[in-house]
Protein backbone atom coordinates (compact mmCIF):
# COMPACT_ATOMS: atom_id res chain seq x y z
CA MET A 1 279.42 65.34 141.71
CA MET A 2 280.47 62.17 139.94
CA ARG A 3 282.03 60.80 143.55
CA LEU A 4 278.99 61.75 145.26
CA SER A 5 276.63 60.39 142.84
CA ILE A 6 278.69 57.04 142.99
CA LEU A 7 278.49 57.11 146.78
CA ILE A 8 275.01 57.73 146.89
CA GLY A 9 274.05 55.11 144.18
CA PHE A 10 276.39 52.39 147.05
CA CYS A 11 273.96 53.90 149.66
CA PHE A 12 270.90 52.87 147.56
CA LEU A 13 271.75 50.11 146.20
CA VAL A 14 272.46 48.46 149.70
CA LEU A 15 269.32 49.72 151.18
CA THR A 16 267.81 47.94 148.14
CA ILE A 17 268.95 44.87 148.56
CA ASN A 18 268.40 44.87 152.43
CA ALA A 19 264.86 45.28 151.21
CA GLN A 20 264.25 42.93 148.44
CA ASN A 21 266.36 39.78 149.69
CA PRO A 22 263.74 37.66 151.32
CA ILE A 23 264.54 36.57 155.12
CA PRO A 24 265.93 33.33 155.46
CA GLU A 25 264.58 29.98 157.08
CA GLY A 26 266.80 29.89 160.62
CA ILE A 27 266.10 28.10 163.56
CA THR A 28 262.93 29.35 165.44
CA LYS A 29 261.26 28.62 169.71
CA LYS A 30 258.19 28.85 170.13
CA VAL A 31 257.10 31.19 173.02
CA PHE A 32 253.32 31.50 172.63
CA PHE A 33 250.57 29.00 171.58
CA ASP A 34 246.98 29.56 172.07
CA GLU A 35 244.78 27.74 169.57
CA PHE A 36 241.59 28.86 172.51
CA MET A 37 240.25 25.01 173.01
CA ASP A 38 240.12 26.01 176.22
CA LYS A 39 239.73 29.77 178.53
CA SER A 40 242.94 30.80 179.49
CA GLU A 41 244.76 33.96 180.89
CA LYS A 42 246.70 34.52 177.85
CA TRP A 43 243.87 37.10 176.17
CA PRO A 44 241.71 39.26 178.00
CA VAL A 45 238.13 38.21 178.21
CA GLU A 46 235.78 41.30 178.32
CA THR A 47 231.67 40.43 178.45
CA THR A 48 230.44 43.63 180.26
CA LYS A 49 231.87 46.80 178.36
CA VAL A 50 229.22 48.23 175.62
CA ASP A 51 232.22 48.63 172.65
CA ILE A 52 234.03 45.90 173.27
CA TYR A 53 233.30 41.99 173.42
CA THR A 54 236.18 39.31 173.54
CA ASN A 55 235.55 35.88 174.92
CA TYR A 56 236.83 32.30 173.97
CA LYS A 57 234.17 30.50 172.45
CA ASP A 58 233.45 27.04 170.45
CA GLY A 59 237.53 26.84 169.73
CA ASP A 60 237.82 30.35 168.70
CA TYR A 61 238.55 33.86 170.28
CA LEU A 62 235.68 36.40 169.18
CA ILE A 63 235.85 39.82 169.00
CA SER A 64 233.34 42.78 169.02
CA ARG A 65 234.17 46.07 168.43
CA LYS A 66 231.12 48.37 168.17
CA SER A 67 232.59 51.81 168.32
CA PRO A 68 231.74 53.96 164.97
CA ASP A 69 235.19 55.35 164.65
CA LYS A 70 237.92 54.05 167.45
CA SER A 71 240.35 51.04 166.96
CA TYR A 72 240.88 49.02 169.75
CA ALA A 73 244.47 47.25 170.95
CA VAL A 74 243.67 43.06 172.44
CA GLN A 75 247.04 42.72 173.90
CA ALA A 76 248.71 39.70 174.53
CA ASN A 77 249.28 38.55 178.11
CA PHE A 78 252.99 37.60 177.65
CA ASP A 79 256.38 39.53 177.55
CA GLU A 80 257.61 41.43 175.57
CA ILE A 81 259.24 39.88 172.31
CA SER A 82 262.77 40.75 170.20
CA ARG A 83 262.46 41.93 166.84
CA ASN A 84 263.34 38.90 165.37
CA PHE A 85 260.22 36.35 165.39
CA ILE A 86 257.70 34.95 163.30
CA ILE A 87 253.76 35.58 164.10
CA LYS A 88 251.19 33.34 162.66
CA SER A 89 247.46 33.66 162.97
CA ALA A 90 243.88 32.91 161.22
CA ILE A 91 241.13 35.49 161.80
CA GLU A 92 238.10 35.71 160.02
CA MET A 93 236.18 38.68 159.80
CA ALA A 94 231.95 38.75 159.29
CA PRO A 95 230.77 39.94 156.32
CA THR A 96 228.09 41.89 158.76
CA SER A 97 231.00 44.31 159.86
CA GLY A 98 230.77 47.99 158.75
CA LYS A 99 232.43 50.05 156.00
CA ASN A 100 235.40 51.15 157.90
CA GLY A 101 236.17 47.32 160.00
CA SER A 102 239.13 46.09 159.82
CA ILE A 103 240.88 43.35 161.59
CA GLY A 104 244.72 42.31 162.05
CA ILE A 105 248.07 42.19 164.10
CA PHE A 106 250.15 44.22 165.79
CA VAL A 107 253.84 43.90 167.15
CA MET A 108 255.97 45.90 168.79
CA PHE A 109 254.48 47.93 170.27
CA GLN A 110 255.63 49.91 173.16
CA GLN A 111 254.29 51.57 176.56
CA GLY A 112 251.44 53.58 176.00
CA LEU A 113 251.27 53.04 172.08
CA SER A 114 253.77 54.90 171.47
CA GLY A 115 255.24 53.25 168.68
CA GLY A 116 254.77 50.02 166.88
CA LEU A 117 253.48 48.43 163.82
CA ILE A 118 250.10 47.25 162.54
CA TYR A 119 249.34 45.04 159.98
CA GLU A 120 245.53 44.75 159.20
CA PHE A 121 242.75 44.06 156.40
CA ASN A 122 239.57 44.50 155.80
CA ASN A 123 236.66 43.70 153.76
CA TYR A 124 237.50 44.84 150.44
CA GLY A 125 240.34 42.45 149.73
CA LYS A 126 242.58 45.47 150.95
CA TYR A 127 245.41 45.30 153.89
CA ARG A 128 247.62 48.18 155.18
CA ILE A 129 250.70 48.59 157.21
CA ARG A 130 250.80 51.46 159.94
CA GLN A 131 253.42 52.97 162.06
CA VAL A 132 252.30 53.81 165.31
CA SER A 133 254.00 56.90 167.20
CA ALA A 134 253.50 59.33 169.74
CA ASN A 135 252.32 62.04 166.75
CA GLY A 136 249.76 59.08 165.76
CA PHE A 137 249.55 56.66 162.81
CA LYS A 138 251.30 56.71 159.59
CA VAL A 139 250.91 54.42 156.36
CA ILE A 140 254.01 52.69 155.36
CA SER A 141 252.50 49.92 153.20
CA SER A 142 253.23 50.03 149.47
CA ASN A 143 251.26 51.59 147.01
CA PRO A 144 248.23 52.80 149.30
CA ASP A 145 245.03 54.92 148.12
CA LYS A 146 243.98 57.90 149.65
CA LYS A 147 242.66 55.87 152.65
CA GLY A 148 246.31 54.01 153.13
CA TRP A 149 244.43 50.55 151.75
CA THR A 150 246.12 48.25 149.50
CA ARG A 151 244.50 45.73 147.18
CA SER A 152 245.70 42.35 147.13
CA PRO A 153 244.80 39.21 145.51
CA TYR A 154 245.73 37.40 148.75
CA ILE A 155 243.68 38.95 150.80
CA LYS A 156 240.49 37.34 151.82
CA THR A 157 238.10 37.18 154.43
CA GLU A 158 239.44 34.99 156.28
CA ASN A 159 242.97 35.22 156.08
CA LYS A 160 246.53 33.13 157.96
CA LEU A 161 248.54 36.24 158.52
CA GLU A 162 252.04 35.79 159.40
CA ILE A 163 254.68 38.53 160.06
CA LYS A 164 258.00 37.52 159.32
CA ALA A 165 260.64 39.78 161.27
CA TYR A 166 264.52 40.07 161.59
CA ALA A 167 267.34 42.56 162.28
CA GLY A 168 264.58 45.30 161.20
CA VAL A 169 263.42 43.55 157.34
CA TYR A 170 259.94 42.63 158.26
CA GLU A 171 257.83 40.63 155.55
CA PHE A 172 253.84 40.36 155.29
CA TYR A 173 252.29 37.27 153.99
CA SER A 174 248.47 36.23 153.75
CA ASN A 175 247.54 32.79 153.03
CA GLY A 176 251.17 32.08 152.49
CA LYS A 177 251.70 34.87 149.92
CA LEU A 178 254.35 37.75 150.19
CA VAL A 179 252.08 40.96 150.09
CA ASP A 180 254.95 43.51 151.50
CA ARG A 181 258.21 43.76 152.56
CA LEU A 182 259.58 46.66 154.40
CA VAL A 183 262.84 47.86 156.62
CA ASN A 184 262.22 49.64 160.15
CA THR A 185 264.98 49.44 162.40
CA ASP A 186 263.17 51.86 164.89
CA PHE A 187 262.46 49.05 167.16
CA LYS A 188 264.45 46.71 169.11
CA LYS A 189 261.17 44.78 171.26
CA GLY A 190 257.81 45.23 172.15
CA SER A 191 254.38 43.64 172.89
CA PHE A 192 252.17 42.11 170.77
CA GLY A 193 248.44 41.67 169.88
CA ILE A 194 245.48 42.30 167.60
CA TRP A 195 243.93 45.05 166.35
CA VAL A 196 240.47 45.49 165.75
CA GLY A 197 239.32 48.48 163.78
CA PRO A 198 235.95 50.25 164.52
CA GLN A 199 232.25 48.43 163.54
CA THR A 200 234.42 44.86 163.27
CA LEU A 201 233.32 41.39 164.16
CA ALA A 202 235.39 39.03 163.74
CA LYS A 203 237.30 35.76 164.93
CA VAL A 204 240.55 34.51 165.66
CA GLN A 205 241.23 30.79 165.25
CA TYR A 206 245.01 30.33 166.65
CA TYR A 207 248.11 33.04 167.60
CA TYR A 208 251.61 31.40 166.79
CA THR A 209 254.25 33.30 168.30
CA TYR A 210 258.41 32.39 167.71
CA HIS A 211 261.34 33.50 168.31
CA LEU A 212 263.56 33.42 164.97
CA ASN A 213 267.46 33.29 165.05
CA ILE A 214 269.40 33.00 161.97
CA PRO A 215 273.15 32.15 162.62
CA SER A 216 274.57 33.17 159.45
CA GLN A 217 273.17 36.59 159.85
CA PRO A 218 274.50 38.58 162.58
CA ASP A 219 271.09 40.81 163.86
CA ILE A 220 273.60 43.56 166.17
CA VAL A 221 276.16 44.61 163.20
CA LYS A 222 273.77 44.25 160.44
CA ASP A 223 271.14 46.53 162.28
CA ASP A 224 274.03 49.32 163.03
CA PHE A 225 275.60 48.90 159.80
CA MET A 226 272.19 49.57 158.11
CA VAL A 227 271.64 52.99 160.61
CA GLN A 228 275.06 53.61 159.28
CA MET A 229 273.86 53.62 155.64
CA GLU A 230 270.28 55.45 156.11
CA ASN A 231 272.00 58.16 158.17
CA LEU A 232 274.49 58.37 154.88
CA LYS A 233 272.13 58.66 152.60
CA ALA A 234 270.36 61.06 154.20
CA GLU A 235 273.34 63.29 154.95
CA ASN A 236 274.21 62.42 151.01
CA ASP A 237 270.49 64.16 150.09
CA SER A 238 271.15 67.00 151.97
CA LEU A 239 275.02 67.63 150.54
CA LYS A 240 273.70 67.26 147.17
CA ASP A 241 270.59 69.64 147.31
CA GLN A 242 273.54 72.03 149.05
CA LEU A 243 275.50 71.58 145.75
CA ARG A 244 272.38 72.06 143.58
CA THR A 245 271.31 75.26 145.11
CA LEU A 246 274.45 76.87 144.85
CA SER A 247 275.26 75.88 141.67
CA VAL A 248 272.15 77.62 140.45
CA ALA A 249 272.17 80.92 142.92
CA ASP A 250 275.83 82.03 142.68
CA GLY A 251 277.52 80.45 139.56
CA ALA A 252 280.41 78.11 139.93
CA ASP A 253 282.78 81.11 139.33
CA LYS A 254 281.53 83.11 142.63
CA PRO A 255 283.69 83.06 145.43
CA GLY A 256 280.73 81.40 147.66
CA ALA A 257 280.27 78.83 145.34
CA VAL A 258 283.95 77.91 144.97
CA GLU A 259 284.52 78.00 148.72
CA ALA A 260 281.02 75.78 149.70
CA ILE A 261 282.58 73.29 146.66
CA LYS A 262 286.09 72.86 148.54
CA ILE A 263 283.99 72.29 152.24
CA LEU A 264 281.67 69.56 150.01
CA GLU A 265 285.21 67.88 148.52
CA LYS A 266 286.14 68.01 151.92
CA ARG A 267 283.38 66.09 152.86
CA ILE A 268 282.99 63.48 150.33
CA THR A 269 286.61 62.65 151.00
CA GLN A 270 285.42 61.88 154.74
CA LEU A 271 282.53 60.23 153.48
CA ARG A 272 284.85 58.03 151.01
CA SER A 273 286.84 56.93 154.58
CA GLU A 274 283.63 56.02 155.79
CA ASN A 275 282.45 54.43 152.95
CA GLU A 276 285.69 52.44 152.91
CA ALA A 277 285.38 51.20 156.46
CA MET A 278 282.05 50.37 156.21
CA SER A 279 283.11 47.82 153.17
CA ALA A 280 285.53 46.46 155.20
CA GLN A 281 283.02 46.18 157.42
CA LEU A 282 280.35 44.40 155.54
CA GLU A 283 283.39 42.13 154.26
CA LYS A 284 284.34 41.14 158.11
CA VAL A 285 280.08 40.88 158.24
CA THR A 286 280.02 38.38 155.27
CA ALA A 287 283.09 36.53 156.41
CA ASP A 288 281.56 36.00 160.02
CA SER A 289 278.27 34.90 158.05
CA ASP A 290 280.95 32.43 156.07
CA ALA A 291 282.58 31.06 159.18
CA GLY A 292 279.02 30.79 160.98
CA ALA A 293 277.68 29.01 158.17
CA VAL A 294 280.59 26.49 158.05
CA ASP A 295 280.18 26.45 161.93
CA LEU A 296 276.77 25.59 161.38
CA ILE A 297 277.75 22.80 158.13
CA GLU A 298 280.50 21.45 160.82
CA LYS A 299 277.34 20.97 163.64
CA MET A 300 275.17 19.48 161.26
CA THR A 301 277.89 16.98 160.08
CA GLU A 302 278.44 15.74 163.48
CA GLU A 303 274.44 15.67 164.23
CA LEU A 304 274.34 13.33 161.19
CA ALA A 305 277.25 11.35 162.00
CA VAL A 306 275.65 10.77 165.80
CA ALA A 307 272.32 9.99 163.70
CA ASN A 308 273.99 7.33 161.13
CA HIS A 309 275.69 5.65 164.67
CA ARG A 310 272.20 5.75 165.85
CA ASN A 311 271.26 3.87 162.87
CA ASP A 312 273.45 1.87 162.72
CA SER A 313 272.74 0.54 166.80
CA LEU A 314 268.98 0.46 165.42
CA ARG A 315 269.79 -1.60 162.64
CA ARG A 316 271.77 -4.35 164.53
CA ILE A 317 269.26 -4.63 167.05
CA ASN A 318 266.41 -4.98 164.34
CA GLN A 319 268.72 -7.85 163.10
CA ASP A 320 269.15 -9.69 166.85
CA LEU A 321 265.03 -8.98 166.73
CA LEU A 322 264.71 -11.12 163.29
CA THR A 323 266.85 -13.80 164.30
CA LYS A 324 265.17 -14.32 167.92
CA PHE A 325 262.03 -14.11 166.24
CA ASP A 326 263.25 -16.93 163.30
CA LEU A 327 264.26 -18.80 166.25
CA VAL A 328 260.84 -18.52 168.31
CA GLN A 329 259.22 -19.12 164.94
CA GLU A 330 260.91 -22.78 164.77
CA GLU A 331 260.23 -23.55 168.28
CA LEU A 332 256.85 -22.49 167.78
CA PHE A 333 256.34 -24.83 164.81
CA ASN A 334 258.28 -27.77 166.25
CA ALA A 335 255.85 -27.46 169.19
CA LYS A 336 253.02 -27.68 166.86
CA GLU A 337 254.12 -31.03 165.55
CA THR A 338 254.98 -32.57 168.46
CA LEU A 339 251.50 -31.87 169.86
CA LYS A 340 250.23 -32.90 166.31
CA ASN A 341 251.56 -36.06 166.91
CA SER A 342 250.63 -36.43 170.06
CA SER A 343 247.29 -35.98 169.36
CA ILE A 344 247.19 -38.58 166.50
CA ALA A 345 248.74 -41.18 168.86
CA GLU A 346 246.33 -40.60 171.58
CA ASN A 347 243.17 -40.78 169.02
CA ASP A 348 244.95 -44.37 168.05
CA THR A 349 244.87 -45.31 171.71
CA LEU A 350 241.07 -44.38 171.97
CA ILE A 351 240.06 -46.12 168.53
CA ALA A 352 241.66 -49.29 169.80
CA MET A 353 240.32 -48.84 173.71
CA LYS A 354 236.63 -48.12 171.62
CA GLU A 355 237.01 -51.22 169.59
CA GLU A 356 237.85 -53.29 172.53
CA VAL A 357 235.20 -51.71 174.63
CA GLU A 358 232.71 -52.80 171.55
CA GLU A 359 234.84 -56.28 171.21
CA ASP A 360 233.77 -57.39 175.18
CA LYS A 361 230.46 -55.72 174.45
CA VAL A 362 229.71 -58.78 171.59
CA GLU A 363 231.03 -61.23 174.26
CA GLU A 364 229.09 -60.24 177.17
CA GLU A 365 225.98 -60.27 174.86
CA ALA A 366 226.76 -63.36 173.52
CA ALA A 367 227.47 -65.04 177.06
CA GLU A 368 224.23 -63.59 177.98
CA GLU A 369 222.29 -65.11 175.19
CA ASN A 370 223.90 -68.48 176.23
CA THR A 371 223.12 -68.02 179.59
CA THR A 372 219.34 -67.27 178.62
CA GLU A 373 219.02 -70.20 176.25
CA THR A 374 220.25 -72.64 179.13
CA ALA A 375 217.19 -70.90 181.74
CA GLU A 376 214.93 -71.72 179.26
CA THR A 377 216.03 -75.54 178.95
CA ILE A 378 215.88 -76.14 182.87
CA ASP A 379 212.72 -74.03 183.10
CA THR A 380 211.08 -76.34 180.68
CA GLU A 381 211.78 -79.27 182.35
CA MET A 382 210.86 -78.17 185.61
CA VAL A 383 207.30 -77.21 184.20
CA THR A 384 207.48 -80.98 182.51
CA ASP A 385 207.97 -82.13 186.15
CA VAL A 386 205.15 -80.16 187.84
CA GLU A 387 202.75 -81.39 184.78
CA GLU A 388 203.57 -85.01 185.86
CA GLN A 389 202.96 -84.54 189.58
CA GLU A 390 199.99 -82.55 189.46
CA ASN A 391 198.22 -83.24 185.89
CA VAL A 392 197.45 -79.85 185.25
CA PRO A 393 196.91 -79.12 181.72
CA SER A 394 200.10 -77.89 180.34
CA LYS A 395 198.87 -75.05 178.70
CA ILE A 396 197.11 -73.58 181.77
CA VAL A 397 201.10 -74.49 183.40
CA LYS A 398 202.72 -73.35 180.97
CA ARG A 399 201.35 -69.68 180.96
CA LYS A 400 201.39 -69.31 184.97
CA PHE A 401 205.91 -70.20 184.63
CA LYS A 402 205.85 -67.94 181.57
CA ILE A 403 204.64 -65.15 183.06
CA GLU A 404 207.27 -66.20 186.73
CA LYS A 405 209.44 -66.21 183.89
CA ALA A 406 208.35 -63.29 182.51
CA VAL A 407 208.87 -61.66 186.34
CA LEU A 408 212.14 -63.06 186.83
CA LYS A 409 213.36 -61.19 183.20
CA VAL A 410 212.31 -58.19 184.69
CA ASN A 411 214.19 -58.49 188.37
């Protein structure tokens, strides 16, 4: 019994670790992207049906479900994704939605809606996570009420939802806060989309899907290990129940109980061997993870060396450009000085030429004045001669010559 309890405790410990440790950051690759700015073929458009309406409008994807009691799955027009993914979406639910209204994301959906997970919220600050199977819906979220809903302070009427999944571990976020985490290894791949509850009016602002790769955690080995641990836990529970039943019914001293205990001890020995093999496998996974981390560090070191080399090259190129820039600035300064000196010399020449022209003008005006005085003297002499010859009063004759003189000046 002691060994069986220890083995069961070990199984619970491993499962608890897998369920509680957050999914580490990894390498993401965008595989689906829609911000609903333009109508596309990524989502269906339904405008003629009575109970469902979906359409692109004003940068959103509008959804209206009028059925009073039935939900609806709006599936994205995209191939299936693996179970290692990150999905992000911003969804707002209208206050006018009915009391049974809800909206959210579905992932890992199988054909015919025979499997998958649904993460949805309502207008009452609650969320719900359900698993879909051929038998219907099963609530798997933590601490659900009678209707399967769990209250959370991070759930609003408008929520930025995110599902992060790797190797069967799922994390559910709302507005950047973790609201739930669970382990489910039923699905290897599946489709995704938007889950619409009855009497729901909502709009979706964006929908992003990424493939997630974590080199330090091999997916297949980890998954097989988790499945084995689940099976071991179930078998141990069954053996424990059988042992308890036999001990109470027959007593430890009865032949049937003794024989059953021997069978159980034999099985426990087998389980111990399997446990040791699984421990060795776990050590191998850890070693592989460490090796992967070393490879990742080496790769990052190489990339850093390349980046440093590029940085040095850019630094040299930058220095050459600065040197050339200094030379250009120096040449520009010299050119400005030359132009400035040329302008000063040209101004001095213009001033000298202007002074010379003014001096020539002054000389011409002086010469013209001398010429005018000489002409007036000659005119006076001519008038005197005429007066003497014709005996005409000098005043009248002088007036005539003055007029002629004026006419001559005008000409």
